[in-house]
Amino acid sequence: MKKFIVVSICLLFLVSLQAQTVTVKKQQDRIKGENTDGYGTDLEGKKEDISLAWSKFLKEVGKAKILNDVLTIGEPALGATVYPKGILYATSSGLPTGQAGDPEKGRVWIGLKESEWTVNDIGMVNDELEKLVYRFGVKFYKDKIQLQIDEAQHASDAVDKQKQRLLSQSKDLVLKLGNNNQEKIRLEKAVEANKLEHEVLLVKIVENNKAQDSVALAGVQIKKVVELHKERQRKVN
């Protein structure tokens, strides 16, 4: 029971009511030795978790492959349009924290080289990239919160099971207490009966001893009478 109390207290301290906000900014990253325009966002979380989620997310955008820590996406689908000849570049990296104990942070970025694209409106493509980064940030935070929800739900289920077990145990203990009270009453009555029987037996023993004395005295008297009769018999001539 103490274990579940400790878990509940820990959950109260770990749950944060502050909502996460995703802010996408136009940024540059170094791709193939050149500064490349794109969009990025900073996220709270472990670098490894962010990188894994980012790679998984982008695999649904197009044909992805990693080269020198840069994720290259061919034939990307942005919005409702697929660009057979388009190429996107994406990266993820960790960010330094301000002070010891601050939450870990990471950054995701995606961009393109305009020289590699042949489209009428590259601005529309960039708009879709900005939306894509925003959708990922929202999804990352929601998935992260969902894990916390699942963990809290597991803890809640465990507490419910413990509660049901304790309720069942309580019913069993109440039943045993009722049986114990009945046995206590029976034993108390038995003790009273035993005490009464003890007193009766003591009285009977006293009466028996008196009776033995009386019988013994009568026996002595009868023997005397017998001897007298024998004496009289011997005197007959």
Protein backbone atom coordinates (compact mmCIF):
# COMPACT_ATOMS: atom_id res chain seq x y z
CA MET A 1 0.00 0.00 0.00
CA LYS A 2 2.87 2.38 0.84
CA LYS A 3 4.32 1.71 -2.63
CA PHE A 4 1.16 2.93 -4.36
CA ILE A 5 1.00 6.02 -2.15
CA VAL A 6 4.58 6.90 -3.14
CA VAL A 7 3.79 6.35 -6.85
CA SER A 8 0.73 8.62 -6.62
CA ILE A 9 2.73 11.39 -4.93
CA CYS A 10 5.47 11.13 -7.57
CA LEU A 11 2.89 11.41 -10.35
CA LEU A 12 1.51 14.59 -8.83
CA PHE A 13 4.97 16.19 -8.90
CA LEU A 14 5.84 14.96 -12.42
CA VAL A 15 2.70 16.10 -14.23
CA SER A 16 3.13 19.56 -15.75
CA LEU A 17 0.18 21.75 -16.60
CA GLN A 18 2.20 24.01 -18.89
CA ALA A 19 1.22 23.52 -22.55
CA GLN A 20 3.95 22.98 -25.14
CA THR A 21 4.09 25.49 -27.98
CA VAL A 22 5.60 24.76 -31.39
CA THR A 23 7.33 27.70 -33.04
CA VAL A 24 8.69 27.26 -36.57
CA LYS A 25 11.39 29.61 -37.81
CA LYS A 26 13.08 30.13 -41.15
CA GLN A 27 16.63 28.86 -40.69
CA GLN A 28 19.68 27.75 -42.62
CA ASP A 29 21.67 24.55 -42.29
CA ARG A 30 24.91 23.41 -43.88
CA ILE A 31 24.14 20.96 -46.69
CA LYS A 32 26.82 19.73 -49.10
CA GLY A 33 29.11 22.51 -47.89
CA GLU A 34 26.57 25.25 -48.61
CA ASN A 35 24.16 27.19 -46.43
CA THR A 36 20.71 25.96 -47.35
CA ASP A 37 17.42 27.69 -46.58
CA GLY A 38 14.71 25.82 -44.74
CA TYR A 39 12.55 25.70 -41.63
CA GLY A 40 13.29 24.42 -38.16
CA THR A 41 11.90 24.23 -34.68
CA ASP A 42 13.35 23.64 -31.21
CA LEU A 43 11.74 20.93 -29.14
CA GLU A 44 12.03 19.80 -25.54
CA GLY A 45 13.14 16.19 -25.37
CA LYS A 46 16.10 13.87 -25.70
CA LYS A 47 18.09 14.27 -28.90
CA GLU A 48 17.79 10.54 -29.66
CA ASP A 49 14.00 10.55 -29.23
CA ILE A 50 13.57 13.62 -31.42
CA SER A 51 15.85 12.25 -34.14
CA LEU A 52 14.09 8.87 -34.21
CA ALA A 53 10.63 10.47 -34.36
CA TRP A 54 11.77 12.93 -37.07
CA SER A 55 13.19 10.15 -39.27
CA LYS A 56 10.03 8.07 -38.86
CA PHE A 57 7.83 11.05 -39.67
CA LEU A 58 9.76 11.94 -42.83
CA LYS A 59 9.63 8.39 -44.19
CA GLU A 60 5.96 9.05 -44.88
CA VAL A 61 6.85 12.17 -46.88
CA GLY A 62 8.99 10.45 -49.51
CA LYS A 63 11.89 8.12 -50.22
CA ALA A 64 14.31 8.80 -47.37
CA LYS A 65 17.95 7.81 -46.99
CA ILE A 66 20.68 8.99 -44.63
CA LEU A 67 24.07 10.25 -45.81
CA ASN A 68 26.55 11.91 -43.45
CA ASP A 69 23.88 12.62 -40.78
CA VAL A 70 21.69 14.31 -43.41
CA LEU A 71 18.37 12.74 -44.34
CA THR A 72 17.73 13.07 -48.08
CA ILE A 73 14.11 12.73 -49.21
CA GLY A 74 13.34 12.03 -52.83
CA GLU A 75 9.97 12.29 -54.60
CA PRO A 76 8.45 14.15 -51.64
CA ALA A 77 4.70 14.52 -51.18
CA LEU A 78 3.85 17.98 -49.86
CA GLY A 79 0.25 18.93 -49.37
CA ALA A 80 -1.67 17.21 -52.14
CA THR A 81 1.23 17.29 -54.59
CA VAL A 82 3.99 14.77 -55.29
CA TYR A 83 7.24 16.18 -56.70
CA PRO A 84 8.95 13.34 -58.65
CA LYS A 85 12.14 15.35 -59.18
CA GLY A 86 12.17 17.25 -55.88
CA ILE A 87 14.77 16.63 -53.17
CA LEU A 88 14.51 17.68 -49.53
CA TYR A 89 17.21 17.69 -46.87
CA ALA A 90 16.51 17.20 -43.18
CA THR A 91 18.65 17.19 -40.04
CA SER A 92 18.24 16.86 -36.31
CA SER A 93 20.62 17.91 -33.55
CA GLY A 94 20.83 18.44 -29.82
CA LEU A 95 20.87 21.89 -28.24
CA PRO A 96 22.82 23.02 -25.17
CA THR A 97 20.77 23.62 -22.03
CA GLY A 98 20.94 26.83 -20.07
CA GLN A 99 21.54 25.46 -16.58
CA ALA A 100 22.03 22.09 -14.95
CA GLY A 101 18.68 20.42 -14.51
CA ASP A 102 17.05 22.18 -17.47
CA PRO A 103 15.09 19.87 -19.81
CA GLU A 104 17.02 18.49 -22.76
CA LYS A 105 16.33 20.10 -26.13
CA GLY A 106 16.77 19.26 -29.79
CA ARG A 107 16.25 20.88 -33.16
CA VAL A 108 14.79 19.55 -36.39
CA TRP A 109 15.27 21.24 -39.71
CA ILE A 110 14.18 20.65 -43.29
CA GLY A 111 15.02 22.61 -46.42
CA LEU A 112 15.83 22.50 -50.12
CA LYS A 113 18.19 23.89 -52.70
CA GLU A 114 16.17 25.95 -55.17
CA SER A 115 18.63 25.09 -57.94
CA GLU A 116 17.59 21.45 -57.67
CA TRP A 117 13.89 22.20 -58.13
CA THR A 118 11.93 22.95 -61.30
CA VAL A 119 8.57 24.23 -60.12
CA ASN A 120 6.52 27.29 -60.95
CA ASP A 121 6.05 28.39 -57.34
CA ILE A 122 8.88 27.46 -54.96
CA GLY A 123 7.24 29.68 -52.34
CA MET A 124 4.30 27.26 -52.13
CA VAL A 125 6.75 24.41 -51.53
CA ASN A 126 8.41 26.36 -48.74
CA ASP A 127 5.02 27.07 -47.18
CA GLU A 128 4.35 23.33 -47.14
CA LEU A 129 7.74 22.71 -45.52
CA GLU A 130 6.90 25.19 -42.78
CA LYS A 131 3.56 23.44 -42.20
CA LEU A 132 5.30 20.06 -42.23
CA VAL A 133 7.73 21.09 -39.49
CA TYR A 134 4.85 22.48 -37.43
CA ARG A 135 2.83 19.28 -37.82
CA PHE A 136 5.81 17.24 -36.70
CA GLY A 137 6.36 19.41 -33.61
CA VAL A 138 2.70 19.10 -32.62
CA LYS A 139 2.75 15.35 -33.25
CA PHE A 140 5.98 14.91 -31.27
CA TYR A 141 4.58 16.67 -28.22
CA LYS A 142 1.21 14.90 -28.47
CA ASP A 143 2.90 11.51 -28.78
CA LYS A 144 5.15 12.35 -25.85
CA ILE A 145 2.15 13.37 -23.75
CA GLN A 146 0.31 10.22 -24.86
CA LEU A 147 3.15 8.14 -23.40
CA GLN A 148 2.72 10.02 -20.13
CA ILE A 149 -1.03 9.42 -20.32
CA ASP A 150 -0.44 5.70 -20.90
CA GLU A 151 1.98 5.52 -17.97
CA ALA A 152 -0.45 7.40 -15.72
CA GLN A 153 -3.30 5.14 -16.91
CA HIS A 154 -1.24 2.04 -16.12
CA ALA A 155 -0.59 3.46 -12.65
CA SER A 156 -4.30 4.24 -12.27
CA ASP A 157 -5.24 0.70 -13.36
CA ALA A 158 -2.74 -0.72 -10.87
CA VAL A 159 -4.24 1.42 -8.10
CA ASP A 160 -7.76 0.30 -9.07
CA LYS A 161 -6.67 -3.35 -8.94
CA GLN A 162 -5.06 -2.75 -5.56
CA LYS A 163 -8.24 -1.02 -4.39
CA GLN A 164 -10.39 -3.96 -5.51
CA ARG A 165 -8.00 -6.40 -3.85
CA LEU A 166 -8.17 -4.42 -0.60
CA LEU A 167 -11.98 -4.24 -0.79
CA SER A 168 -12.13 -8.00 -1.29
CA GLN A 169 -9.68 -8.47 1.56
CA SER A 170 -11.81 -6.17 3.73
CA LYS A 171 -14.95 -8.26 3.07
CA ASP A 172 -13.03 -11.41 3.89
CA LEU A 173 -11.69 -9.88 7.11
CA VAL A 174 -15.19 -8.72 8.15
CA LEU A 175 -16.53 -12.24 7.53
CA LYS A 176 -13.69 -13.75 9.55
CA LEU A 177 -14.30 -11.23 12.34
CA GLY A 178 -18.00 -12.23 12.42
CA ASN A 179 -17.03 -15.90 12.67
CA ASN A 180 -14.47 -15.04 15.32
CA ASN A 181 -17.11 -13.17 17.37
CA GLN A 182 -19.46 -16.15 17.17
CA GLU A 183 -16.66 -18.48 18.26
CA LYS A 184 -15.81 -16.03 21.08
CA ILE A 185 -19.42 -16.09 22.28
CA ARG A 186 -19.50 -19.90 22.07
CA LEU A 187 -16.24 -20.18 24.00
CA GLU A 188 -17.41 -17.68 26.64
CA LYS A 189 -20.59 -19.73 27.13
CA ALA A 190 -18.48 -22.87 27.27
CA VAL A 191 -16.25 -21.28 29.93
CA GLU A 192 -19.31 -20.28 31.98
CA ALA A 193 -20.71 -23.80 31.65
CA ASN A 194 -17.31 -25.19 32.59
CA LYS A 195 -17.16 -22.97 35.67
CA LEU A 196 -20.64 -24.10 36.73
CA GLU A 197 -19.75 -27.74 36.14
CA HIS A 198 -16.55 -27.21 38.13
CA GLU A 199 -18.51 -25.84 41.10
CA VAL A 200 -21.05 -28.68 40.88
CA LEU A 201 -18.25 -31.27 40.80
CA LEU A 202 -16.60 -29.67 43.84
CA VAL A 203 -19.90 -29.87 45.74
CA LYS A 204 -20.39 -33.48 44.67
CA ILE A 205 -16.83 -34.35 45.76
CA VAL A 206 -17.50 -32.83 49.21
CA GLU A 207 -20.78 -34.72 49.47
CA ASN A 208 -19.07 -37.90 48.28
CA ASN A 209 -16.38 -37.53 50.95
CA LYS A 210 -19.05 -37.05 53.61
CA ALA A 211 -20.90 -40.06 52.30
CA GLN A 212 -17.69 -42.11 52.41
CA ASP A 213 -17.14 -41.08 56.02
CA SER A 214 -20.71 -42.03 56.93
CA VAL A 215 -20.45 -45.37 55.17
CA ALA A 216 -17.10 -46.07 56.83
CA LEU A 217 -18.58 -45.25 60.26
CA ALA A 218 -21.60 -47.44 59.54
CA GLY A 219 -19.27 -50.23 58.48
CA VAL A 220 -17.40 -50.03 61.79
CA GLN A 221 -20.65 -50.12 63.73
CA ILE A 222 -21.96 -53.10 61.75
CA LYS A 223 -18.74 -54.99 62.31
CA LYS A 224 -19.11 -54.40 66.04
CA VAL A 225 -22.65 -55.78 65.88
CA VAL A 226 -21.40 -58.82 63.97
CA GLU A 227 -18.73 -59.44 66.60
CA LEU A 228 -21.32 -59.14 69.37
CA HIS A 229 -23.56 -61.66 67.63
CA LYS A 230 -20.63 -64.03 67.21
CA GLU A 231 -19.75 -63.63 70.89
CA ARG A 232 -23.31 -64.48 71.91
CA GLN A 233 -23.21 -67.46 69.59
CA ARG A 234 -20.10 -68.81 71.24
CA LYS A 235 -21.70 -68.58 74.65
CA VAL A 236 -24.60 -70.83 73.73
CA ASN A 237 -24.26 -74.29 75.49
